Each structure stands twice: as structure tokens, then as C-alpha cells.
Amino acid sequence: MTKLKLGPLTDDKPVKISLELPAAVHRDLVAYAQVLGRTTGQTAPEPSKLVVPMIERFMATDRAFAKARRDRSAQGAGGSAEKSG
């Protein structure tokens, strides 16, 4: 069985955005949705529903982003502690 990086999608209230994708990316999203549907035993989700979980997964596994985020948080916390102390 194929091990995908995404699992079943949760139903969450969306924030609407509009973006244009290259046709090749859309075809890949359609194919990914079909594989995800077969893998999870559910109907294939709309390809547009994959974008957010994919971005979330990408950011969650991007070590450089996590480090930069921690560094930024540490700087913000350090700066406020110095001012108040």
C-alpha cells in the first residue's frame, strides 16, 4: 500500500482565497486526490481541498522554518523580558 504524507481530511471552516495553479500542478492534485481516496477508502476529495493540508504538512516538516520560528519567538520573548526586568 502507498504511504502518503496526508491522511483523511478534517472538515474545518475555511477562509476563502483565490489562486492560480499551473495546469500540471492541478493534474497532480487530481491524481493525488484519487490515490488518497483509494488509500483511505473514502471518495476522492476535491483537489482544492488538498492544498491546505499539503501546505500545513510542508510547514510542519520544514526544519528551517521551525528553527526560524523558534528563533523569532525567542527573540520576542527575550526582548520583552529585558524591557520588563
PDB file of N, CA and C in Angstrom:
ATOM      1  N   MET A   1       0.849  -1.182   0.000  1.00  0.00           N
ATOM      2  CA  MET A   1       0.000   0.000   0.000  1.00  0.00           C
ATOM      3  C   MET A   1       0.889   1.238   0.000  1.00  0.00           C
ATOM      4  N   THR A   2       0.435   2.285  -0.657  1.00  0.00           N
ATOM      5  CA  THR A   2       1.171   3.535  -0.750  1.00  0.00           C
ATOM      6  C   THR A   2       1.070   4.302   0.557  1.00  0.00           C
ATOM      7  N   LYS A   3       2.177   4.825   1.018  1.00  0.00           N
ATOM      8  CA  LYS A   3       2.196   5.643   2.239  1.00  0.00           C
ATOM      9  C   LYS A   3       2.238   7.108   1.826  1.00  0.00           C
ATOM     10  N   LEU A   4       1.103   7.789   1.937  1.00  0.00           N
ATOM     11  CA  LEU A   4       1.016   9.207   1.585  1.00  0.00           C
ATOM     12  C   LEU A   4       1.342  10.063   2.800  1.00  0.00           C
ATOM     13  N   LYS A   5       1.739  11.287   2.558  1.00  0.00           N
ATOM     14  CA  LYS A   5       2.041  12.211   3.645  1.00  0.00           C
ATOM     15  C   LYS A   5       0.757  12.780   4.258  1.00  0.00           C
ATOM     16  N   LEU A   6      -0.353  12.693   3.547  1.00  0.00           N
ATOM     17  CA  LEU A   6      -1.634  13.187   4.059  1.00  0.00           C
ATOM     18  C   LEU A   6      -2.519  12.023   4.446  1.00  0.00           C
ATOM     19  N   GLY A   7      -3.341  12.244   5.458  1.00  0.00           N
ATOM     20  CA  GLY A   7      -4.342  11.274   5.856  1.00  0.00           C
ATOM     21  C   GLY A   7      -5.714  11.826   5.538  1.00  0.00           C
ATOM     22  N   PRO A   8      -6.760  11.260   6.132  1.00  0.00           N
ATOM     23  CA  PRO A   8      -8.108  11.782   5.890  1.00  0.00           C
ATOM     24  C   PRO A   8      -8.194  13.264   6.258  1.00  0.00           C
ATOM     25  N   LEU A   9      -8.947  14.011   5.479  1.00  0.00           N
ATOM     26  CA  LEU A   9      -9.062  15.450   5.701  1.00  0.00           C
ATOM     27  C   LEU A   9     -10.161  15.743   6.710  1.00  0.00           C
ATOM     28  N   THR A  10      -9.885  16.680   7.614  1.00  0.00           N
ATOM     29  CA  THR A  10     -10.901  17.087   8.577  1.00  0.00           C
ATOM     30  C   THR A  10     -11.741  18.200   7.961  1.00  0.00           C
ATOM     31  N   ASP A  11     -12.987  18.260   8.385  1.00  0.00           N
ATOM     32  CA  ASP A  11     -13.873  19.301   7.896  1.00  0.00           C
ATOM     33  C   ASP A  11     -13.716  20.501   8.815  1.00  0.00           C
ATOM     34  N   ASP A  12     -13.255  21.608   8.276  1.00  0.00           N
ATOM     35  CA  ASP A  12     -12.989  22.808   9.058  1.00  0.00           C
ATOM     36  C   ASP A  12     -13.547  24.007   8.299  1.00  0.00           C
ATOM     37  N   LYS A  13     -13.943  25.036   9.026  1.00  0.00           N
ATOM     38  CA  LYS A  13     -14.476  26.223   8.372  1.00  0.00           C
ATOM     39  C   LYS A  13     -13.343  26.928   7.619  1.00  0.00           C
ATOM     40  N   PRO A  14     -13.456  27.044   6.309  1.00  0.00           N
ATOM     41  CA  PRO A  14     -12.368  27.606   5.519  1.00  0.00           C
ATOM     42  C   PRO A  14     -12.362  29.131   5.469  1.00  0.00           C
ATOM     43  N   VAL A  15     -11.217  29.652   5.155  1.00  0.00           N
ATOM     44  CA  VAL A  15     -11.060  31.063   4.801  1.00  0.00           C
ATOM     45  C   VAL A  15     -10.826  31.064   3.309  1.00  0.00           C
ATOM     46  N   LYS A  16     -11.602  31.794   2.598  1.00  0.00           N
ATOM     47  CA  LYS A  16     -11.563  31.726   1.142  1.00  0.00           C
ATOM     48  C   LYS A  16     -10.419  32.563   0.583  1.00  0.00           C
ATOM     49  N   ILE A  17      -9.637  31.935  -0.290  1.00  0.00           N
ATOM     50  CA  ILE A  17      -8.612  32.643  -1.046  1.00  0.00           C
ATOM     51  C   ILE A  17      -8.737  32.217  -2.497  1.00  0.00           C
ATOM     52  N   SER A  18      -8.133  32.983  -3.360  1.00  0.00           N
ATOM     53  CA  SER A  18      -8.157  32.653  -4.776  1.00  0.00           C
ATOM     54  C   SER A  18      -6.725  32.616  -5.279  1.00  0.00           C
ATOM     55  N   LEU A  19      -6.383  31.561  -6.008  1.00  0.00           N
ATOM     56  CA  LEU A  19      -5.048  31.484  -6.579  1.00  0.00           C
ATOM     57  C   LEU A  19      -5.094  30.710  -7.876  1.00  0.00           C
ATOM     58  N   GLU A  20      -4.097  30.945  -8.701  1.00  0.00           N
ATOM     59  CA  GLU A  20      -3.985  30.241  -9.964  1.00  0.00           C
ATOM     60  C   GLU A  20      -2.875  29.215  -9.852  1.00  0.00           C
ATOM     61  N   LEU A  21      -3.151  28.027 -10.346  1.00  0.00           N
ATOM     62  CA  LEU A  21      -2.167  26.955 -10.347  1.00  0.00           C
ATOM     63  C   LEU A  21      -1.802  26.603 -11.780  1.00  0.00           C
ATOM     64  N   PRO A  22      -0.566  26.226 -12.009  1.00  0.00           N
ATOM     65  CA  PRO A  22      -0.237  25.694 -13.327  1.00  0.00           C
ATOM     66  C   PRO A  22      -1.051  24.425 -13.580  1.00  0.00           C
ATOM     67  N   ALA A  23      -1.390  24.167 -14.826  1.00  0.00           N
ATOM     68  CA  ALA A  23      -2.201  23.003 -15.173  1.00  0.00           C
ATOM     69  C   ALA A  23      -1.551  21.710 -14.688  1.00  0.00           C
ATOM     70  N   ALA A  24      -0.238  21.614 -14.764  1.00  0.00           N
ATOM     71  CA  ALA A  24       0.461  20.396 -14.328  1.00  0.00           C
ATOM     72  C   ALA A  24       0.267  20.164 -12.833  1.00  0.00           C
ATOM     73  N   VAL A  25       0.278  21.233 -12.046  1.00  0.00           N
ATOM     74  CA  VAL A  25       0.067  21.098 -10.600  1.00  0.00           C
ATOM     75  C   VAL A  25      -1.364  20.630 -10.333  1.00  0.00           C
ATOM     76  N   HIS A  26      -2.321  21.186 -11.066  1.00  0.00           N
ATOM     77  CA  HIS A  26      -3.712  20.761 -10.892  1.00  0.00           C
ATOM     78  C   HIS A  26      -3.880  19.290 -11.254  1.00  0.00           C
ATOM     79  N   ARG A  27      -3.255  18.848 -12.337  1.00  0.00           N
ATOM     80  CA  ARG A  27      -3.338  17.432 -12.708  1.00  0.00           C
ATOM     81  C   ARG A  27      -2.750  16.558 -11.603  1.00  0.00           C
ATOM     82  N   ASP A  28      -1.649  17.002 -11.011  1.00  0.00           N
ATOM     83  CA  ASP A  28      -1.049  16.243  -9.917  1.00  0.00           C
ATOM     84  C   ASP A  28      -1.973  16.208  -8.701  1.00  0.00           C
ATOM     85  N   LEU A  29      -2.652  17.326  -8.414  1.00  0.00           N
ATOM     86  CA  LEU A  29      -3.598  17.343  -7.295  1.00  0.00           C
ATOM     87  C   LEU A  29      -4.755  16.378  -7.545  1.00  0.00           C
ATOM     88  N   VAL A  30      -5.250  16.328  -8.772  1.00  0.00           N
ATOM     89  CA  VAL A  30      -6.330  15.406  -9.123  1.00  0.00           C
ATOM     90  C   VAL A  30      -5.860  13.971  -8.914  1.00  0.00           C
ATOM     91  N   ALA A  31      -4.669  13.659  -9.397  1.00  0.00           N
ATOM     92  CA  ALA A  31      -4.129  12.302  -9.235  1.00  0.00           C
ATOM     93  C   ALA A  31      -3.917  11.977  -7.763  1.00  0.00           C
ATOM     94  N   TYR A  32      -3.388  12.936  -6.993  1.00  0.00           N
ATOM     95  CA  TYR A  32      -3.161  12.717  -5.563  1.00  0.00           C
ATOM     96  C   TYR A  32      -4.490  12.456  -4.857  1.00  0.00           C
ATOM     97  N   ALA A  33      -5.516  13.221  -5.205  1.00  0.00           N
ATOM     98  CA  ALA A  33      -6.830  13.043  -4.586  1.00  0.00           C
ATOM     99  C   ALA A  33      -7.367  11.644  -4.869  1.00  0.00           C
ATOM    100  N   GLN A  34      -7.175  11.164  -6.086  1.00  0.00           N
ATOM    101  CA  GLN A  34      -7.648   9.820  -6.429  1.00  0.00           C
ATOM    102  C   GLN A  34      -6.906   8.756  -5.619  1.00  0.00           C
ATOM    103  N   VAL A  35      -5.590   8.892  -5.508  1.00  0.00           N
ATOM    104  CA  VAL A  35      -4.806   7.932  -4.726  1.00  0.00           C
ATOM    105  C   VAL A  35      -5.204   8.013  -3.255  1.00  0.00           C
ATOM    106  N   LEU A  36      -5.387   9.229  -2.734  1.00  0.00           N
ATOM    107  CA  LEU A  36      -5.785   9.405  -1.338  1.00  0.00           C
ATOM    108  C   LEU A  36      -7.137   8.747  -1.079  1.00  0.00           C
ATOM    109  N   GLY A  37      -8.064   8.926  -1.997  1.00  0.00           N
ATOM    110  CA  GLY A  37      -9.377   8.300  -1.853  1.00  0.00           C
ATOM    111  C   GLY A  37      -9.269   6.790  -1.795  1.00  0.00           C
ATOM    112  N   ARG A  38      -8.474   6.203  -2.683  1.00  0.00           N
ATOM    113  CA  ARG A  38      -8.291   4.743  -2.673  1.00  0.00           C
ATOM    114  C   ARG A  38      -7.603   4.285  -1.389  1.00  0.00           C
ATOM    115  N   THR A  39      -6.596   5.031  -0.958  1.00  0.00           N
ATOM    116  CA  THR A  39      -5.812   4.660   0.222  1.00  0.00           C
ATOM    117  C   THR A  39      -6.638   4.721   1.495  1.00  0.00           C
ATOM    118  N   THR A  40      -7.493   5.741   1.625  1.00  0.00           N
ATOM    119  CA  THR A  40      -8.285   5.912   2.841  1.00  0.00           C
ATOM    120  C   THR A  40      -9.626   5.190   2.787  1.00  0.00           C
ATOM    121  N   GLY A  41      -9.996   4.686   1.605  1.00  0.00           N
ATOM    122  CA  GLY A  41     -11.286   4.019   1.463  1.00  0.00           C
ATOM    123  C   GLY A  41     -12.446   4.986   1.402  1.00  0.00           C
ATOM    124  N   GLN A  42     -12.153   6.242   1.171  1.00  0.00           N
ATOM    125  CA  GLN A  42     -13.192   7.263   1.056  1.00  0.00           C
ATOM    126  C   GLN A  42     -13.270   7.716  -0.395  1.00  0.00           C
ATOM    127  N   THR A  43     -14.278   8.538  -0.679  1.00  0.00           N
ATOM    128  CA  THR A  43     -14.330   9.110  -2.021  1.00  0.00           C
ATOM    129  C   THR A  43     -13.186  10.118  -2.149  1.00  0.00           C
ATOM    130  N   ALA A  44     -12.699  10.266  -3.348  1.00  0.00           N
ATOM    131  CA  ALA A  44     -11.598  11.196  -3.584  1.00  0.00           C
ATOM    132  C   ALA A  44     -12.056  12.616  -3.260  1.00  0.00           C
ATOM    133  N   PRO A  45     -11.279  13.349  -2.458  1.00  0.00           N
ATOM    134  CA  PRO A  45     -11.664  14.729  -2.145  1.00  0.00           C
ATOM    135  C   PRO A  45     -11.467  15.634  -3.357  1.00  0.00           C
ATOM    136  N   GLU A  46     -12.089  16.777  -3.310  1.00  0.00           N
ATOM    137  CA  GLU A  46     -11.846  17.778  -4.340  1.00  0.00           C
ATOM    138  C   GLU A  46     -10.372  18.145  -4.289  1.00  0.00           C
ATOM    139  N   PRO A  47      -9.712  18.262  -5.422  1.00  0.00           N
ATOM    140  CA  PRO A  47      -8.285  18.609  -5.421  1.00  0.00           C
ATOM    141  C   PRO A  47      -7.973  19.886  -4.641  1.00  0.00           C
ATOM    142  N   SER A  48      -8.861  20.850  -4.682  1.00  0.00           N
ATOM    143  CA  SER A  48      -8.624  22.105  -3.961  1.00  0.00           C
ATOM    144  C   SER A  48      -8.564  21.898  -2.453  1.00  0.00           C
ATOM    145  N   LYS A  49      -9.217  20.842  -1.961  1.00  0.00           N
ATOM    146  CA  LYS A  49      -9.197  20.554  -0.521  1.00  0.00           C
ATOM    147  C   LYS A  49      -7.845  20.019  -0.063  1.00  0.00           C
ATOM    148  N   LEU A  50      -6.972  19.646  -0.984  1.00  0.00           N
ATOM    149  CA  LEU A  50      -5.656  19.119  -0.632  1.00  0.00           C
ATOM    150  C   LEU A  50      -4.622  20.218  -0.378  1.00  0.00           C
ATOM    151  N   VAL A  51      -4.864  21.390  -0.912  1.00  0.00           N
ATOM    152  CA  VAL A  51      -3.854  22.452  -0.869  1.00  0.00           C
ATOM    153  C   VAL A  51      -3.495  22.815   0.570  1.00  0.00           C
ATOM    154  N   VAL A  52      -4.470  23.069   1.407  1.00  0.00           N
ATOM    155  CA  VAL A  52      -4.198  23.494   2.779  1.00  0.00           C
ATOM    156  C   VAL A  52      -3.469  22.407   3.572  1.00  0.00           C
ATOM    157  N   PRO A  53      -3.963  21.155   3.584  1.00  0.00           N
ATOM    158  CA  PRO A  53      -3.217  20.137   4.331  1.00  0.00           C
ATOM    159  C   PRO A  53      -1.787  19.943   3.817  1.00  0.00           C
ATOM    160  N   MET A  54      -1.605  20.093   2.504  1.00  0.00           N
ATOM    161  CA  MET A  54      -0.256  19.957   1.954  1.00  0.00           C
ATOM    162  C   MET A  54       0.648  21.092   2.427  1.00  0.00           C
ATOM    163  N   ILE A  55       0.124  22.300   2.450  1.00  0.00           N
ATOM    164  CA  ILE A  55       0.908  23.432   2.942  1.00  0.00           C
ATOM    165  C   ILE A  55       1.198  23.259   4.429  1.00  0.00           C
ATOM    166  N   GLU A  56       0.185  22.844   5.197  1.00  0.00           N
ATOM    167  CA  GLU A  56       0.391  22.606   6.631  1.00  0.00           C
ATOM    168  C   GLU A  56       1.471  21.556   6.859  1.00  0.00           C
ATOM    169  N   ARG A  57       1.388  20.471   6.106  1.00  0.00           N
ATOM    170  CA  ARG A  57       2.369  19.391   6.245  1.00  0.00           C
ATOM    171  C   ARG A  57       3.767  19.877   5.861  1.00  0.00           C
ATOM    172  N   PHE A  58       3.838  20.633   4.790  1.00  0.00           N
ATOM    173  CA  PHE A  58       5.115  21.177   4.345  1.00  0.00           C
ATOM    174  C   PHE A  58       5.736  22.049   5.436  1.00  0.00           C
ATOM    175  N   MET A  59       4.947  22.957   6.003  1.00  0.00           N
ATOM    176  CA  MET A  59       5.476  23.845   7.037  1.00  0.00           C
ATOM    177  C   MET A  59       5.828  23.083   8.308  1.00  0.00           C
ATOM    178  N   ALA A  60       5.035  22.073   8.652  1.00  0.00           N
ATOM    179  CA  ALA A  60       5.301  21.291   9.865  1.00  0.00           C
ATOM    180  C   ALA A  60       6.586  20.484   9.757  1.00  0.00           C
ATOM    181  N   THR A  61       6.979  20.114   8.548  1.00  0.00           N
ATOM    182  CA  THR A  61       8.172  19.288   8.377  1.00  0.00           C
ATOM    183  C   THR A  61       9.370  20.070   7.859  1.00  0.00           C
ATOM    184  N   ASP A  62       9.233  21.369   7.699  1.00  0.00           N
ATOM    185  CA  ASP A  62      10.338  22.208   7.225  1.00  0.00           C
ATOM    186  C   ASP A  62      11.176  22.636   8.423  1.00  0.00           C
ATOM    187  N   ARG A  63      12.324  22.016   8.600  1.00  0.00           N
ATOM    188  CA  ARG A  63      13.165  22.271   9.771  1.00  0.00           C
ATOM    189  C   ARG A  63      13.668  23.710   9.818  1.00  0.00           C
ATOM    190  N   ALA A  64      14.008  24.266   8.665  1.00  0.00           N
ATOM    191  CA  ALA A  64      14.493  25.645   8.645  1.00  0.00           C
ATOM    192  C   ALA A  64      13.390  26.609   9.096  1.00  0.00           C
ATOM    193  N   PHE A  65      12.161  26.342   8.676  1.00  0.00           N
ATOM    194  CA  PHE A  65      11.039  27.184   9.099  1.00  0.00           C
ATOM    195  C   PHE A  65      10.820  27.062  10.604  1.00  0.00           C
ATOM    196  N   ALA A  66      10.851  25.833  11.126  1.00  0.00           N
ATOM    197  CA  ALA A  66      10.653  25.618  12.557  1.00  0.00           C
ATOM    198  C   ALA A  66      11.729  26.340  13.367  1.00  0.00           C
ATOM    199  N   LYS A  67      12.969  26.256  12.903  1.00  0.00           N
ATOM    200  CA  LYS A  67      14.075  26.921  13.604  1.00  0.00           C
ATOM    201  C   LYS A  67      13.896  28.436  13.560  1.00  0.00           C
ATOM    202  N   ALA A  68      13.576  28.966  12.390  1.00  0.00           N
ATOM    203  CA  ALA A  68      13.374  30.412  12.261  1.00  0.00           C
ATOM    204  C   ALA A  68      12.215  30.876  13.142  1.00  0.00           C
ATOM    205  N   ARG A  69      11.181  30.076  13.218  1.00  0.00           N
ATOM    206  CA  ARG A  69      10.023  30.422  14.043  1.00  0.00           C
ATOM    207  C   ARG A  69      10.395  30.416  15.520  1.00  0.00           C
ATOM    208  N   ARG A  70      11.173  29.393  15.945  1.00  0.00           N
ATOM    209  CA  ARG A  70      11.628  29.338  17.340  1.00  0.00           C
ATOM    210  C   ARG A  70      12.537  30.530  17.648  1.00  0.00           C
ATOM    211  N   ASP A  71      13.460  30.821  16.734  1.00  0.00           N
ATOM    212  CA  ASP A  71      14.374  31.947  16.942  1.00  0.00           C
ATOM    213  C   ASP A  71      13.604  33.257  17.061  1.00  0.00           C
ATOM    214  N   ARG A  72      12.605  33.413  16.227  1.00  0.00           N
ATOM    215  CA  ARG A  72      11.790  34.643  16.261  1.00  0.00           C
ATOM    216  C   ARG A  72      11.035  34.741  17.584  1.00  0.00           C
ATOM    217  N   SER A  73      10.467  33.598  18.031  1.00  0.00           N
ATOM    218  CA  SER A  73       9.741  33.586  19.300  1.00  0.00           C
ATOM    219  C   SER A  73      10.677  33.873  20.462  1.00  0.00           C
ATOM    220  N   ALA A  74      11.882  33.299  20.424  1.00  0.00           N
ATOM    221  CA  ALA A  74      12.855  33.510  21.491  1.00  0.00           C
ATOM    222  C   ALA A  74      13.289  34.972  21.528  1.00  0.00           C
ATOM    223  N   GLN A  75      13.468  35.580  20.375  1.00  0.00           N
ATOM    224  CA  GLN A  75      13.851  36.990  20.328  1.00  0.00           C
ATOM    225  C   GLN A  75      12.742  37.867  20.894  1.00  0.00           C
ATOM    226  N   GLY A  76      11.495  37.542  20.536  1.00  0.00           N
ATOM    227  CA  GLY A  76      10.361  38.321  21.056  1.00  0.00           C
ATOM    228  C   GLY A  76      10.223  38.171  22.544  1.00  0.00           C
ATOM    229  N   ALA A  77      10.404  36.966  23.066  1.00  0.00           N
ATOM    230  CA  ALA A  77      10.296  36.718  24.495  1.00  0.00           C
ATOM    231  C   ALA A  77      11.471  37.346  25.235  1.00  0.00           C
ATOM    232  N   GLY A  78      12.660  37.233  24.656  1.00  0.00           N
ATOM    233  CA  GLY A  78      13.844  37.808  25.283  1.00  0.00           C
ATOM    234  C   GLY A  78      13.771  39.320  25.345  1.00  0.00           C
ATOM    235  N   GLY A  79      13.291  39.922  24.271  1.00  0.00           N
ATOM    236  CA  GLY A  79      13.202  41.380  24.242  1.00  0.00           C
ATOM    237  C   GLY A  79      12.205  41.910  25.252  1.00  0.00           C
ATOM    238  N   SER A  80      11.059  41.245  25.415  1.00  0.00           N
ATOM    239  CA  SER A  80      10.076  41.722  26.374  1.00  0.00           C
ATOM    240  C   SER A  80      10.518  41.478  27.801  1.00  0.00           C
ATOM    241  N   ALA A  81      11.273  40.395  28.015  1.00  0.00           N
ATOM    242  CA  ALA A  81      11.761  40.124  29.364  1.00  0.00           C
ATOM    243  C   ALA A  81      12.795  41.167  29.780  1.00  0.00           C
ATOM    244  N   GLU A  82      13.624  41.599  28.828  1.00  0.00           N
ATOM    245  CA  GLU A  82      14.648  42.598  29.154  1.00  0.00           C
ATOM    246  C   GLU A  82      14.004  43.938  29.480  1.00  0.00           C
ATOM    247  N   LYS A  83      12.951  44.284  28.751  1.00  0.00           N
ATOM    248  CA  LYS A  83      12.302  45.564  28.972  1.00  0.00           C
ATOM    249  C   LYS A  83      11.576  45.606  30.307  1.00  0.00           C
ATOM    250  N   SER A  84      10.980  44.468  30.697  1.00  0.00           N
ATOM    251  CA  SER A  84      10.203  44.476  31.930  1.00  0.00           C
ATOM    252  C   SER A  84      11.097  44.253  33.163  1.00  0.00           C
ATOM    253  N   GLY A  85      12.344  43.802  32.952  1.00  0.00           N
ATOM    254  CA  GLY A  85      13.180  43.473  34.100  1.00  0.00           C
ATOM    255  C   GLY A  85      14.197  44.442  34.330  1.00  0.00           C
TER     256      GLY A  85
END
